[in-house]
Amino acid sequence: MSLSVLQAKNVVAGYVPDMPILHGVSIHVGPSEIVSIIGPNGAGKSTLIKAIAGLVLVNEGDIRFNEKDITNESAHHLTANGVAFVPQTGNVFSTLSIHENLVMGGISLSKSKANERIEAIYKLYPFLSDRQREKAGVLSGGQRQILAVARALITEPRLMLLDEPTAGLSPMAANELFGQIQNLVHGGVAIVMVEQNAKAALRISDRAYILAEGQNRFDGKAHQMLEDEEIGKIFLGLGRDLKSGKNLKDIV
């Protein structure tokens, strides 16, 4: 296995004590990789990404970022040390201007550093600069998601966690956002993405993990998953092997 930016081993986690949603899930993410977490509803995908982000208690197992144990670290501490989390909803301050949203993203930085980073973001996303005085609430769904990602980039993270980034977006807006996500890895950011639009996510991913009932069921290269007939059945909701618990490695 190559050096990992993120490595989660045998993670048991959930929202209620003694009622775990994740039952020993393991993943790893290499430098500048896009890794998708996919699977049926209730599989534990968002729970996993929130456990990594310090928002769900990990009861067993460990999570390492750049070889350092970050298991159950606070979300604030993780942000300050290079891990950014963009939630599915509530990821921008609608009543604040675009510029004020970016200022909030750099609140942990010195004023000069925050200003420097905001100017860099405006160069990266010119439409934000053009509309910086407008309220974030007037942006389209896709534009809000880009603002949320841009705000997360203020702290120059090495790892970005995206929870359902295209939820509720039109196909055109989703495609634009996926393009922006691909651009992030060129800047050295590793991406972990939970996404219901599995086929679209796989097209831009290097690797992927399929979860079901809080457990790993399959992992591999994204393009191989796209080409596999049995994995295709899972996308269409016909993956009985996931429900039966059969190891998909036996059938692909």
Protein backbone atom coordinates (compact mmCIF):
# COMPACT_ATOMS: atom_id res chain seq x y z
CA MET A 1 0.00 0.00 0.00
CA SER A 2 1.34 3.46 -0.91
CA LEU A 3 1.75 6.20 1.66
CA SER A 4 -1.70 7.32 2.76
CA VAL A 5 -2.92 10.82 3.50
CA LEU A 6 -5.84 9.20 5.32
CA GLN A 7 -6.15 5.72 6.77
CA ALA A 8 -9.14 4.48 8.74
CA LYS A 9 -8.91 0.98 10.21
CA ASN A 10 -11.73 -1.12 11.59
CA VAL A 11 -13.83 1.89 12.53
CA VAL A 12 -16.86 1.22 14.72
CA ALA A 13 -18.95 4.37 15.16
CA GLY A 14 -22.47 5.69 15.58
CA TYR A 15 -24.66 8.40 17.01
CA VAL A 16 -25.97 6.45 20.01
CA PRO A 17 -23.77 4.52 22.48
CA ASP A 18 -23.87 0.73 21.97
CA MET A 19 -25.78 1.15 18.67
CA PRO A 20 -23.03 1.46 16.05
CA ILE A 21 -23.82 2.23 12.42
CA LEU A 22 -20.31 1.37 11.23
CA HIS A 23 -19.05 -2.12 11.98
CA GLY A 24 -15.32 -2.21 11.33
CA VAL A 25 -15.02 -0.07 8.19
CA SER A 26 -11.56 0.54 6.70
CA ILE A 27 -10.45 2.91 3.92
CA HIS A 28 -7.27 4.62 2.79
CA VAL A 29 -6.68 7.66 0.60
CA GLY A 30 -3.43 8.48 -1.16
CA PRO A 31 -2.00 11.90 -2.01
CA SER A 32 -4.04 13.83 -4.61
CA GLU A 33 -6.56 10.99 -4.94
CA ILE A 34 -10.30 11.28 -5.37
CA VAL A 35 -11.93 8.43 -3.46
CA SER A 36 -15.69 7.95 -3.52
CA ILE A 37 -17.76 6.23 -0.84
CA ILE A 38 -20.89 4.75 -2.39
CA GLY A 39 -23.61 2.29 -1.48
CA PRO A 40 -27.33 2.02 -0.75
CA ASN A 41 -29.21 4.33 1.60
CA GLY A 42 -28.44 3.56 5.23
CA ALA A 43 -25.08 1.98 4.40
CA GLY A 44 -23.20 4.30 6.76
CA LYS A 45 -21.53 6.50 4.14
CA SER A 46 -22.23 9.86 5.77
CA THR A 47 -21.55 8.41 9.21
CA LEU A 48 -18.08 7.38 8.03
CA ILE A 49 -17.19 10.78 6.64
CA LYS A 50 -18.50 12.51 9.76
CA ALA A 51 -16.49 10.15 11.97
CA ILE A 52 -13.37 11.13 10.04
CA ALA A 53 -14.34 14.81 10.43
CA GLY A 54 -14.66 14.48 14.22
CA LEU A 55 -18.44 14.83 14.25
CA VAL A 56 -19.38 11.25 15.17
CA LEU A 57 -17.84 9.33 18.07
CA VAL A 58 -15.53 6.47 17.09
CA ASN A 59 -15.91 3.63 19.60
CA GLU A 60 -13.33 1.26 18.12
CA GLY A 61 -10.63 1.40 15.47
CA ASP A 62 -8.46 4.34 14.56
CA ILE A 63 -8.19 7.11 11.98
CA ARG A 64 -4.83 8.52 10.87
CA PHE A 65 -4.10 11.64 8.84
CA ASN A 66 -0.54 11.92 7.52
CA GLU A 67 0.38 9.07 9.88
CA LYS A 68 -0.92 10.97 12.94
CA ASP A 69 -3.75 9.52 15.01
CA ILE A 70 -6.75 11.86 14.72
CA THR A 71 -9.38 9.50 16.14
CA ASN A 72 -12.06 11.57 17.90
CA GLU A 73 -10.13 14.82 17.47
CA SER A 74 -12.38 17.87 17.54
CA ALA A 75 -13.62 19.23 14.22
CA HIS A 76 -12.01 22.59 15.02
CA HIS A 77 -8.61 20.98 15.65
CA LEU A 78 -8.85 18.96 12.43
CA THR A 79 -9.65 22.07 10.39
CA ALA A 80 -6.63 23.85 11.84
CA ASN A 81 -4.42 20.90 10.90
CA GLY A 82 -5.39 20.38 7.28
CA VAL A 83 -8.72 18.50 7.18
CA ALA A 84 -11.73 20.29 5.66
CA PHE A 85 -15.31 19.06 5.81
CA VAL A 86 -18.09 20.34 3.53
CA PRO A 87 -21.50 19.10 4.75
CA GLN A 88 -24.42 18.36 2.49
CA THR A 89 -26.62 21.16 3.85
CA GLY A 90 -26.07 24.32 5.84
CA ASN A 91 -22.64 24.78 4.30
CA VAL A 92 -22.89 28.54 3.63
CA PHE A 93 -24.17 31.48 5.64
CA SER A 94 -27.07 32.59 3.45
CA THR A 95 -27.55 36.00 5.10
CA LEU A 96 -23.86 36.92 4.81
CA SER A 97 -22.17 38.17 1.66
CA ILE A 98 -19.90 35.94 -0.39
CA HIS A 99 -16.91 37.85 0.94
CA GLU A 100 -18.10 37.51 4.53
CA ASN A 101 -18.48 33.76 4.02
CA LEU A 102 -14.86 33.56 2.92
CA VAL A 103 -13.77 35.67 5.88
CA MET A 104 -15.54 33.16 8.15
CA GLY A 105 -13.57 30.38 6.46
CA GLY A 106 -10.32 32.08 7.48
CA ILE A 107 -11.31 32.95 11.03
CA SER A 108 -8.58 30.70 12.48
CA LEU A 109 -5.89 32.49 10.44
CA SER A 110 -4.16 35.80 11.01
CA LYS A 111 -5.85 38.70 9.24
CA SER A 112 -3.03 39.10 6.73
CA LYS A 113 -2.95 35.38 5.95
CA ALA A 114 -6.74 35.24 5.62
CA ASN A 115 -6.72 38.19 3.21
CA GLU A 116 -3.98 36.53 1.18
CA ARG A 117 -5.96 33.30 0.96
CA ILE A 118 -9.20 35.10 0.03
CA GLU A 119 -7.43 36.87 -2.84
CA ALA A 120 -6.11 33.50 -4.02
CA ILE A 121 -9.65 32.08 -3.91
CA TYR A 122 -10.96 35.01 -5.96
CA LYS A 123 -8.36 34.24 -8.63
CA LEU A 124 -9.36 30.58 -8.57
CA TYR A 125 -13.11 31.36 -8.73
CA PRO A 126 -13.52 34.71 -10.54
CA PHE A 127 -17.34 34.67 -10.33
CA LEU A 128 -17.04 34.85 -6.53
CA SER A 129 -14.89 37.95 -6.85
CA ASP A 130 -17.35 39.56 -9.27
CA ARG A 131 -20.23 38.95 -6.84
CA GLN A 132 -18.42 39.22 -3.51
CA ARG A 133 -20.82 41.81 -2.08
CA GLU A 134 -23.93 39.74 -2.86
CA LYS A 135 -25.64 37.64 -0.22
CA ALA A 136 -24.78 33.95 -0.48
CA GLY A 137 -28.50 33.20 -0.32
CA VAL A 138 -29.05 34.53 -3.86
CA LEU A 139 -26.63 32.04 -5.40
CA SER A 140 -27.86 29.00 -7.29
CA GLY A 141 -27.46 25.58 -5.67
CA GLY A 142 -24.34 24.80 -7.67
CA GLN A 143 -22.81 28.19 -6.93
CA ARG A 144 -23.46 27.72 -3.21
CA GLN A 145 -21.64 24.40 -3.29
CA ILE A 146 -18.67 26.01 -5.04
CA LEU A 147 -18.68 28.76 -2.39
CA ALA A 148 -18.73 26.10 0.33
CA VAL A 149 -15.73 24.35 -1.26
CA ALA A 150 -13.96 27.70 -1.76
CA ARG A 151 -14.48 28.62 1.90
CA ALA A 152 -13.06 25.25 2.96
CA LEU A 153 -9.97 25.92 0.81
CA ILE A 154 -9.12 29.09 2.74
CA THR A 155 -7.13 27.06 5.29
CA GLU A 156 -5.20 25.20 2.53
CA PRO A 157 -6.33 21.69 3.54
CA ARG A 158 -4.49 18.55 2.49
CA LEU A 159 -7.70 16.50 2.77
CA MET A 160 -11.24 17.55 1.88
CA LEU A 161 -14.30 15.57 2.94
CA LEU A 162 -17.41 16.16 0.80
CA ASP A 163 -20.80 14.85 1.93
CA GLU A 164 -23.24 14.52 -0.99
CA PRO A 165 -21.87 17.57 -2.84
CA THR A 166 -24.30 17.32 -5.79
CA ALA A 167 -27.47 16.66 -3.76
CA GLY A 168 -30.34 18.66 -5.27
CA LEU A 169 -28.27 20.07 -8.13
CA SER A 170 -29.26 20.02 -11.80
CA PRO A 171 -27.17 17.74 -14.05
CA MET A 172 -25.40 20.80 -15.50
CA ALA A 173 -24.57 22.22 -12.05
CA ALA A 174 -23.44 18.79 -10.85
CA ASN A 175 -21.11 18.42 -13.84
CA GLU A 176 -19.62 21.85 -13.17
CA LEU A 177 -19.06 21.00 -9.51
CA PHE A 178 -17.45 17.67 -10.39
CA GLY A 179 -15.11 19.58 -12.71
CA GLN A 180 -14.15 21.89 -9.85
CA ILE A 181 -13.54 18.88 -7.61
CA GLN A 182 -11.20 17.38 -10.21
CA ASN A 183 -9.26 20.65 -10.30
CA LEU A 184 -8.64 20.49 -6.56
CA VAL A 185 -6.38 17.44 -6.79
CA HIS A 186 -4.05 19.32 -9.13
CA GLY A 187 -3.41 21.65 -6.22
CA GLY A 188 -2.44 18.73 -3.98
CA VAL A 189 -5.74 18.19 -2.15
CA ALA A 190 -6.91 14.62 -1.54
CA ILE A 191 -10.69 14.15 -1.74
CA VAL A 192 -13.05 11.76 0.03
CA MET A 193 -16.54 12.10 -1.41
CA VAL A 194 -19.81 10.53 -0.33
CA GLU A 195 -22.10 10.65 -3.33
CA GLN A 196 -25.47 9.13 -4.29
CA ASN A 197 -24.83 9.76 -7.99
CA ALA A 198 -22.51 6.78 -8.03
CA LYS A 199 -21.81 6.56 -11.76
CA ALA A 200 -20.94 10.25 -12.06
CA ALA A 201 -18.75 10.05 -8.96
CA LEU A 202 -16.88 7.02 -10.28
CA ARG A 203 -16.13 8.80 -13.54
CA ILE A 204 -14.00 11.38 -11.74
CA SER A 205 -12.64 9.14 -8.98
CA ASP A 206 -9.41 7.18 -8.77
CA ARG A 207 -10.80 4.55 -6.42
CA ALA A 208 -14.02 3.82 -4.56
CA TYR A 209 -15.42 1.88 -1.62
CA ILE A 210 -18.86 0.32 -1.54
CA LEU A 211 -20.45 0.12 1.90
CA ALA A 212 -23.55 -1.81 2.90
CA GLU A 213 -25.07 -2.23 6.34
CA GLY A 214 -22.12 -0.42 7.88
CA GLN A 215 -19.46 -2.70 6.45
CA ASN A 216 -16.99 -2.77 3.58
CA ARG A 217 -18.38 -4.80 0.68
CA PHE A 218 -16.01 -3.95 -2.15
CA ASP A 219 -13.22 -1.58 -3.05
CA GLY A 220 -11.20 -1.03 -6.16
CA LYS A 221 -10.33 1.23 -9.05
CA ALA A 222 -13.22 3.41 -10.11
CA HIS A 223 -13.00 2.64 -13.83
CA GLN A 224 -13.14 -1.10 -13.14
CA MET A 225 -16.28 -0.65 -11.07
CA LEU A 226 -17.90 1.27 -13.91
CA GLU A 227 -17.15 -1.55 -16.33
CA ASP A 228 -18.31 -4.38 -14.06
CA GLU A 229 -21.77 -5.82 -14.74
CA GLU A 230 -22.45 -6.88 -11.15
CA ILE A 231 -21.46 -3.46 -9.79
CA GLY A 232 -23.77 -1.98 -12.42
CA LYS A 233 -26.63 -3.98 -10.97
CA ILE A 234 -25.90 -2.43 -7.59
CA PHE A 235 -26.25 1.03 -9.11
CA LEU A 236 -29.66 -0.01 -10.40
CA GLY A 237 -30.77 -1.31 -7.01
CA LEU A 238 -30.48 -4.97 -7.97
CA GLY A 239 -27.47 -5.81 -5.81
CA ARG A 240 -28.93 -8.61 -3.72
CA ASP A 241 -25.43 -9.70 -2.77
CA LEU A 242 -25.05 -6.55 -0.67
CA LYS A 243 -28.12 -7.41 1.39
CA SER A 244 -27.15 -11.04 1.77
CA GLY A 245 -23.70 -10.04 2.96
CA LYS A 246 -21.92 -11.98 0.23
CA ASN A 247 -18.42 -10.66 -0.39
CA LEU A 248 -18.49 -8.94 -3.77
CA LYS A 249 -14.88 -9.90 -4.32
CA ASP A 250 -16.20 -13.40 -4.91
CA ILE A 251 -18.34 -12.29 -7.84
CA VAL A 252 -16.18 -9.78 -9.71
